[in-house]
Amino acid sequence: MSITAAAAPTRGPMTLKDWAQLLLLGAIWGGSFFFARIAVSEIHPLALVLFRVAIAAAALQLYLAVRGPSFRLAFPHAGLFFLLALTNNVVPFSLIFAGQTKLGAGVASVLNATTPFWTLILANALTTDEKLSWNKLAGIALGVAGTAIMIGPGLVAGLGGPVWAKFALIGASVSYAIALMIARRFKGVPSPVIATGQLTASTIIMIPIVLIAYGPTGLFSASQPVWAAVLGLALLSTAFAYILYFNLVASAGATNASLVTLIVPVSAVLLGFLFLGERLALFEIGGMTLIGLGLITIDGRLFGKMVAVSCHTAATIYSQRRSRLLPKSFNG
């Protein structure tokens, strides 16, 4: 079974609504670092993953029960939801945790920002409506370069890690790209149902993993501020964020949805500057500018207008010069 219909038209540029959703999603996932910083101080990483997906799944199940649509829409796709849970949560989270034991956060962020590249490669091979184009390749390259510049010293500090750790982070990015290809398969399934199905399947997978790794003792011994951070991480940065994410996949395509990995580090740095009093360095501003240029390049419309204006201007100049050079008898 193909991932998309053979006759599907090529996707055009993202709409204003798509861009708004992408930027909002990037801001929300950038804010997740605030919650995670607090929560991980008292909760083991894998246990935090379990609490994050379990609370989010419970909240979305309640939402569907009250507002609809029915979660029964997910039942025919049960196997696909477990595959989505593995590739979008369990496998990448585990690879990221493993890689970050040996790598700095800076290099981890840059390797994570390669997700749009892997998504574009897979989409070009497996779909008919998301093909390679010069503006997408150039824009993604600019975005990854901008992320590297924005991370700056944090990137340099993490470059000396082992090769296996770097491959673990790249493997997480490839896993996210595969998950986006799987998410495309849920044609006609509402975004809240997809988000609920994925998080419910992730919860079922994570429960035995956490119990084997840590056991039940002390799992719920965190302080109230930490549980408040866990709730923020689960409800805002997971439940609501994944509804946005799957809605964006449906409306803008897998490659465009993956661009959120370029926006997340920008969001995290800006939130730290606005609310935590962190200084904004010149290299961070430069990296953000390059990421913004990359997103504009991917969209393509601005450069299309620039090319059209340039061609029109060149044609006008050529016509005027030709008019001056030719004898009057040739000028009508």
Protein backbone atom coordinates (compact mmCIF):
# COMPACT_ATOMS: atom_id res chain seq x y z
CA MET A 1 0.00 0.00 0.00
CA SER A 2 1.48 3.36 -0.99
CA ILE A 3 1.79 6.14 1.54
CA THR A 4 -0.20 8.54 -0.61
CA ALA A 5 -2.40 8.33 -3.62
CA ALA A 6 -0.59 8.15 -6.94
CA ALA A 7 -2.57 11.02 -8.37
CA ALA A 8 -1.97 13.36 -5.45
CA PRO A 9 -0.99 16.85 -6.59
CA THR A 10 2.28 18.43 -5.54
CA ARG A 11 1.84 20.52 -2.38
CA GLY A 12 2.12 24.27 -2.77
CA PRO A 13 3.58 26.71 -0.23
CA MET A 14 2.22 26.66 3.30
CA THR A 15 -0.73 28.93 4.06
CA LEU A 16 -0.67 31.67 6.68
CA LYS A 17 -2.62 29.34 8.99
CA ASP A 18 0.01 26.60 8.51
CA TRP A 19 2.82 29.01 9.37
CA ALA A 20 0.93 30.20 12.45
CA GLN A 21 0.49 26.61 13.64
CA LEU A 22 4.15 25.81 12.96
CA LEU A 23 5.39 28.83 14.92
CA LEU A 24 2.99 28.13 17.80
CA LEU A 25 4.10 24.49 17.91
CA GLY A 26 7.75 25.54 17.93
CA ALA A 27 7.08 27.94 20.81
CA ILE A 28 5.26 25.26 22.81
CA TRP A 29 7.95 22.63 22.28
CA GLY A 30 10.65 25.20 23.00
CA GLY A 31 8.87 25.90 26.29
CA SER A 32 8.97 22.20 27.16
CA PHE A 33 12.63 22.66 28.14
CA PHE A 34 11.48 24.84 31.06
CA PHE A 35 9.23 22.10 32.40
CA ALA A 36 11.79 19.37 31.75
CA ARG A 37 14.56 21.25 33.59
CA ILE A 38 12.43 21.28 36.73
CA ALA A 39 10.99 17.77 36.43
CA VAL A 40 14.20 15.88 35.63
CA SER A 41 15.79 17.15 38.85
CA GLU A 42 13.67 14.66 40.84
CA ILE A 43 12.29 12.17 38.30
CA HIS A 44 14.27 9.61 36.28
CA PRO A 45 14.24 10.42 32.52
CA LEU A 46 12.35 7.30 31.40
CA ALA A 47 9.87 7.72 34.25
CA LEU A 48 9.37 11.30 33.12
CA VAL A 49 8.62 10.05 29.60
CA LEU A 50 6.01 7.69 31.05
CA PHE A 51 4.35 10.42 33.13
CA ARG A 52 4.44 12.79 30.17
CA VAL A 53 2.70 10.44 27.73
CA ALA A 54 0.36 8.84 30.31
CA ILE A 55 -1.04 12.11 31.68
CA ALA A 56 -1.36 13.52 28.15
CA ALA A 57 -3.15 10.35 26.97
CA ALA A 58 -5.55 10.45 29.93
CA ALA A 59 -6.32 14.13 29.31
CA LEU A 60 -7.00 13.52 25.62
CA GLN A 61 -9.15 10.47 26.36
CA LEU A 62 -11.24 12.68 28.66
CA TYR A 63 -11.38 15.39 25.99
CA LEU A 64 -12.64 12.92 23.38
CA ALA A 65 -15.20 11.49 25.81
CA VAL A 66 -16.64 14.97 26.48
CA ARG A 67 -16.19 16.73 23.12
CA GLY A 68 -15.64 13.94 20.61
CA PRO A 69 -14.95 12.57 18.11
CA SER A 70 -15.15 9.01 19.37
CA PHE A 71 -11.90 7.19 20.13
CA ARG A 72 -13.43 4.20 18.36
CA LEU A 73 -12.13 5.77 15.15
CA ALA A 74 -8.67 4.68 16.30
CA PHE A 75 -9.49 0.97 16.70
CA PRO A 76 -9.08 -0.03 13.03
CA HIS A 77 -5.58 1.52 13.10
CA ALA A 78 -4.35 -0.03 16.39
CA GLY A 79 -1.23 -1.61 14.87
CA LEU A 80 -0.31 1.61 13.09
CA PHE A 81 -0.66 3.58 16.34
CA PHE A 82 1.83 1.32 18.12
CA LEU A 83 4.24 1.77 15.21
CA LEU A 84 3.75 5.53 15.41
CA ALA A 85 4.32 5.44 19.18
CA LEU A 86 7.58 3.54 18.73
CA THR A 87 8.97 5.80 16.02
CA ASN A 88 7.72 9.14 17.39
CA ASN A 89 8.18 8.63 21.14
CA VAL A 90 9.81 5.46 22.48
CA VAL A 91 12.72 4.94 20.05
CA PRO A 92 13.76 8.62 19.55
CA PHE A 93 13.42 9.45 23.26
CA SER A 94 15.60 6.46 24.16
CA LEU A 95 18.22 7.29 21.51
CA ILE A 96 18.31 10.94 22.59
CA PHE A 97 18.76 10.00 26.26
CA ALA A 98 21.54 7.56 25.34
CA GLY A 99 23.31 10.06 23.08
CA GLN A 100 23.10 12.90 25.58
CA THR A 101 24.97 10.87 28.18
CA LYS A 102 28.08 11.49 26.04
CA LEU A 103 27.25 14.62 24.00
CA GLY A 104 26.58 18.23 24.92
CA ALA A 105 23.13 19.71 24.49
CA GLY A 106 24.38 21.92 21.65
CA VAL A 107 25.46 19.18 19.27
CA ALA A 108 22.34 17.19 20.22
CA SER A 109 20.16 20.14 19.16
CA VAL A 110 21.94 20.48 15.83
CA LEU A 111 21.66 16.76 15.05
CA ASN A 112 17.98 16.90 15.99
CA ALA A 113 17.57 19.83 13.60
CA THR A 114 18.51 17.53 10.70
CA THR A 115 15.03 15.93 10.95
CA PRO A 116 13.64 18.00 8.01
CA PHE A 117 16.49 16.73 5.80
CA TRP A 118 15.74 13.06 6.51
CA THR A 119 12.02 13.75 6.16
CA LEU A 120 12.56 15.35 2.76
CA ILE A 121 14.62 12.35 1.59
CA LEU A 122 11.98 9.85 2.75
CA ALA A 123 9.10 11.94 1.42
CA ASN A 124 10.78 12.21 -1.98
CA ALA A 125 11.19 8.43 -2.13
CA LEU A 126 7.83 7.38 -0.69
CA THR A 127 5.32 10.05 -1.69
CA THR A 128 4.16 11.80 -4.85
CA ASP A 129 3.21 15.20 -3.40
CA GLU A 130 6.36 16.08 -1.42
CA LYS A 131 9.29 16.00 -3.84
CA LEU A 132 12.81 17.38 -3.61
CA SER A 133 13.22 20.99 -4.70
CA TRP A 134 16.11 23.45 -4.65
CA ASN A 135 14.38 25.83 -2.25
CA LYS A 136 13.61 23.06 0.27
CA LEU A 137 17.17 21.70 0.19
CA ALA A 138 18.71 25.18 0.42
CA GLY A 139 16.30 26.26 3.17
CA ILE A 140 16.95 23.17 5.29
CA ALA A 141 20.72 23.61 4.87
CA LEU A 142 20.42 27.25 6.00
CA GLY A 143 18.26 26.20 8.95
CA VAL A 144 20.70 23.52 10.15
CA ALA A 145 23.62 25.96 9.72
CA GLY A 146 21.68 28.60 11.64
CA THR A 147 21.01 26.13 14.46
CA ALA A 148 24.72 25.30 14.63
CA ILE A 149 25.66 29.00 14.78
CA MET A 150 22.95 29.77 17.36
CA ILE A 151 24.13 26.97 19.66
CA GLY A 152 27.68 28.35 19.31
CA PRO A 153 29.94 27.41 22.25
CA GLY A 154 27.56 24.63 23.31
CA LEU A 155 28.14 22.96 19.94
CA VAL A 156 31.92 23.20 20.18
CA ALA A 157 31.86 21.73 23.69
CA GLY A 158 29.99 18.63 22.52
CA LEU A 159 31.90 17.88 19.32
CA GLY A 160 34.37 15.53 21.01
CA GLY A 161 31.87 12.81 21.90
CA PRO A 162 32.02 9.24 20.58
CA VAL A 163 30.73 8.39 17.11
CA TRP A 164 28.06 6.01 18.43
CA ALA A 165 26.46 8.82 20.45
CA LYS A 166 26.25 11.04 17.37
CA PHE A 167 24.72 8.20 15.39
CA ALA A 168 22.19 7.75 18.21
CA LEU A 169 21.04 11.37 17.80
CA ILE A 170 20.94 11.03 14.01
CA GLY A 171 18.99 7.79 14.49
CA ALA A 172 16.45 9.73 16.57
CA SER A 173 16.05 12.28 13.76
CA VAL A 174 15.57 9.50 11.20
CA SER A 175 13.01 7.89 13.53
CA TYR A 176 11.06 11.16 13.70
CA ALA A 177 11.14 11.33 9.89
CA ILE A 178 9.79 7.76 9.65
CA ALA A 179 7.06 8.71 12.14
CA LEU A 180 5.99 11.56 9.87
CA MET A 181 5.65 9.11 6.97
CA ILE A 182 3.48 6.89 9.19
CA ALA A 183 1.39 9.86 10.33
CA ARG A 184 0.47 10.51 6.70
CA ARG A 185 -1.32 7.15 6.64
CA PHE A 186 -4.10 8.34 8.95
CA LYS A 187 -6.20 9.78 6.14
CA GLY A 188 -9.52 11.10 7.40
CA VAL A 189 -8.73 10.46 11.09
CA PRO A 190 -9.17 13.66 13.19
CA SER A 191 -5.99 15.08 14.72
CA PRO A 192 -7.21 14.68 18.36
CA VAL A 193 -7.82 10.97 17.72
CA ILE A 194 -4.34 10.51 16.19
CA ALA A 195 -2.70 12.30 19.13
CA THR A 196 -4.71 10.27 21.65
CA GLY A 197 -3.99 6.98 19.89
CA GLN A 198 -0.25 7.63 19.72
CA LEU A 199 0.04 8.70 23.34
CA THR A 200 -2.13 5.83 24.58
CA ALA A 201 0.04 3.33 22.70
CA SER A 202 3.19 5.03 24.05
CA THR A 203 1.85 4.69 27.59
CA ILE A 204 1.19 0.97 27.13
CA ILE A 205 4.74 0.48 25.83
CA MET A 206 6.43 2.64 28.50
CA ILE A 207 4.77 1.09 31.59
CA PRO A 208 6.72 -2.23 31.49
CA ILE A 209 9.93 -0.43 30.44
CA VAL A 210 9.82 1.87 33.48
CA LEU A 211 8.81 -0.90 35.89
CA ILE A 212 11.70 -3.08 34.69
CA ALA A 213 14.21 -0.20 34.75
CA TYR A 214 13.27 1.41 38.07
CA GLY A 215 10.58 -0.64 39.81
CA PRO A 216 7.50 0.90 41.44
CA THR A 217 9.32 2.26 44.51
CA GLY A 218 9.71 6.01 44.62
CA LEU A 219 8.04 6.71 41.29
CA PHE A 220 5.60 9.20 42.86
CA SER A 221 7.87 10.80 45.47
CA ALA A 222 8.53 14.09 43.67
CA SER A 223 7.68 17.46 45.20
CA GLN A 224 4.65 19.59 44.29
CA PRO A 225 6.60 22.08 42.08
CA VAL A 226 8.01 19.16 40.11
CA TRP A 227 4.53 17.65 39.60
CA ALA A 228 3.32 21.07 38.43
CA ALA A 229 6.10 21.03 35.82
CA VAL A 230 5.13 17.48 34.81
CA LEU A 231 1.53 18.63 34.28
CA GLY A 232 2.71 21.54 32.13
CA LEU A 233 4.91 19.21 30.11
CA ALA A 234 2.10 16.67 29.65
CA LEU A 235 -0.89 18.91 29.05
CA LEU A 236 0.56 21.83 27.09
CA SER A 237 3.77 20.50 25.53
CA THR A 238 2.41 17.05 24.72
CA ALA A 239 -1.40 16.75 24.58
CA PHE A 240 -2.15 20.11 22.96
CA ALA A 241 1.13 20.17 21.00
CA TYR A 242 0.50 16.82 19.32
CA ILE A 243 -2.97 17.88 18.21
CA LEU A 244 -1.31 20.85 16.50
CA TYR A 245 1.43 18.61 15.12
CA PHE A 246 -0.85 16.06 13.47
CA ASN A 247 -3.14 18.79 12.17
CA LEU A 248 -0.07 20.39 10.57
CA VAL A 249 0.99 17.08 9.01
CA ALA A 250 -2.47 16.74 7.45
CA SER A 251 -2.65 20.31 6.12
CA ALA A 252 0.97 21.17 5.24
CA GLY A 253 2.66 17.80 4.73
CA ALA A 254 5.36 15.83 6.53
CA THR A 255 8.35 17.88 5.32
CA ASN A 256 6.80 21.20 6.36
CA ALA A 257 5.71 19.80 9.74
CA SER A 258 9.29 18.62 10.40
CA LEU A 259 10.50 22.24 10.16
CA VAL A 260 9.39 22.66 13.78
CA THR A 261 12.77 21.16 14.82
CA LEU A 262 14.42 24.31 13.43
CA ILE A 263 12.10 26.59 15.41
CA VAL A 264 12.30 24.79 18.78
CA PRO A 265 15.86 25.95 19.70
CA VAL A 266 14.97 29.51 18.65
CA SER A 267 11.91 29.40 20.87
CA ALA A 268 13.86 28.00 23.82
CA VAL A 269 16.51 30.74 23.58
CA LEU A 270 13.93 33.55 23.18
CA LEU A 271 11.85 32.30 26.12
CA GLY A 272 14.98 32.20 28.27
CA PHE A 273 15.76 35.78 27.23
CA LEU A 274 12.20 37.05 27.86
CA PHE A 275 11.31 35.24 31.09
CA LEU A 276 14.52 34.03 32.73
CA GLY A 277 16.69 37.09 32.19
CA GLU A 278 19.21 35.15 30.07
CA ARG A 279 21.44 37.26 27.80
CA LEU A 280 21.01 37.04 24.05
CA ALA A 281 24.45 36.73 22.44
CA LEU A 282 25.32 38.09 19.00
CA PHE A 283 25.95 34.60 17.59
CA GLU A 284 22.46 33.57 18.75
CA ILE A 285 20.90 36.49 16.89
CA GLY A 286 22.92 35.58 13.80
CA GLY A 287 21.81 31.95 13.99
CA MET A 288 18.16 32.94 14.36
CA THR A 289 18.46 35.23 11.34
CA LEU A 290 19.88 32.37 9.28
CA ILE A 291 17.08 30.04 10.40
CA GLY A 292 14.51 32.68 9.44
CA LEU A 293 16.15 33.03 6.01
CA GLY A 294 16.02 29.25 5.65
CA LEU A 295 12.28 29.17 6.39
CA ILE A 296 11.67 31.98 3.87
CA THR A 297 13.68 30.04 1.29
CA ILE A 298 11.66 26.88 1.92
CA ASP A 299 8.41 28.79 1.50
CA GLY A 300 9.68 30.03 -1.85
CA ARG A 301 7.11 32.73 -2.47
CA LEU A 302 9.31 35.70 -1.59
CA PHE A 303 12.13 34.50 -3.82
CA GLY A 304 9.62 33.72 -6.57
CA LYS A 305 8.40 37.31 -6.47
CA MET A 306 12.00 38.58 -6.41
CA VAL A 307 12.85 36.49 -9.49
CA ALA A 308 9.69 37.69 -11.27
CA VAL A 309 10.50 41.33 -10.49
CA SER A 310 14.13 40.85 -11.57
CA CYS A 311 13.08 39.25 -14.86
CA HIS A 312 10.54 42.03 -15.53
CA THR A 313 13.15 44.70 -14.74
CA ALA A 314 15.76 43.02 -16.95
CA ALA A 315 13.26 42.75 -19.82
CA THR A 316 12.32 46.42 -19.46
CA ILE A 317 15.96 47.55 -19.46
CA TYR A 318 16.73 45.35 -22.48
CA SER A 319 13.72 46.75 -24.36
CA GLN A 320 14.72 50.33 -23.60
CA ARG A 321 18.33 49.81 -24.70
CA ARG A 322 17.23 48.02 -27.86
CA SER A 323 14.87 50.90 -28.61
CA ARG A 324 17.72 53.42 -28.32
CA LEU A 325 20.23 51.41 -30.37
CA LEU A 326 18.04 50.45 -33.34
CA PRO A 327 17.44 52.94 -36.21
CA LYS A 328 14.15 54.80 -36.02
CA SER A 329 12.85 52.89 -39.04
CA PHE A 330 12.99 49.69 -36.93
CA ASN A 331 11.07 51.21 -34.04
CA GLY A 332 7.61 51.09 -35.53
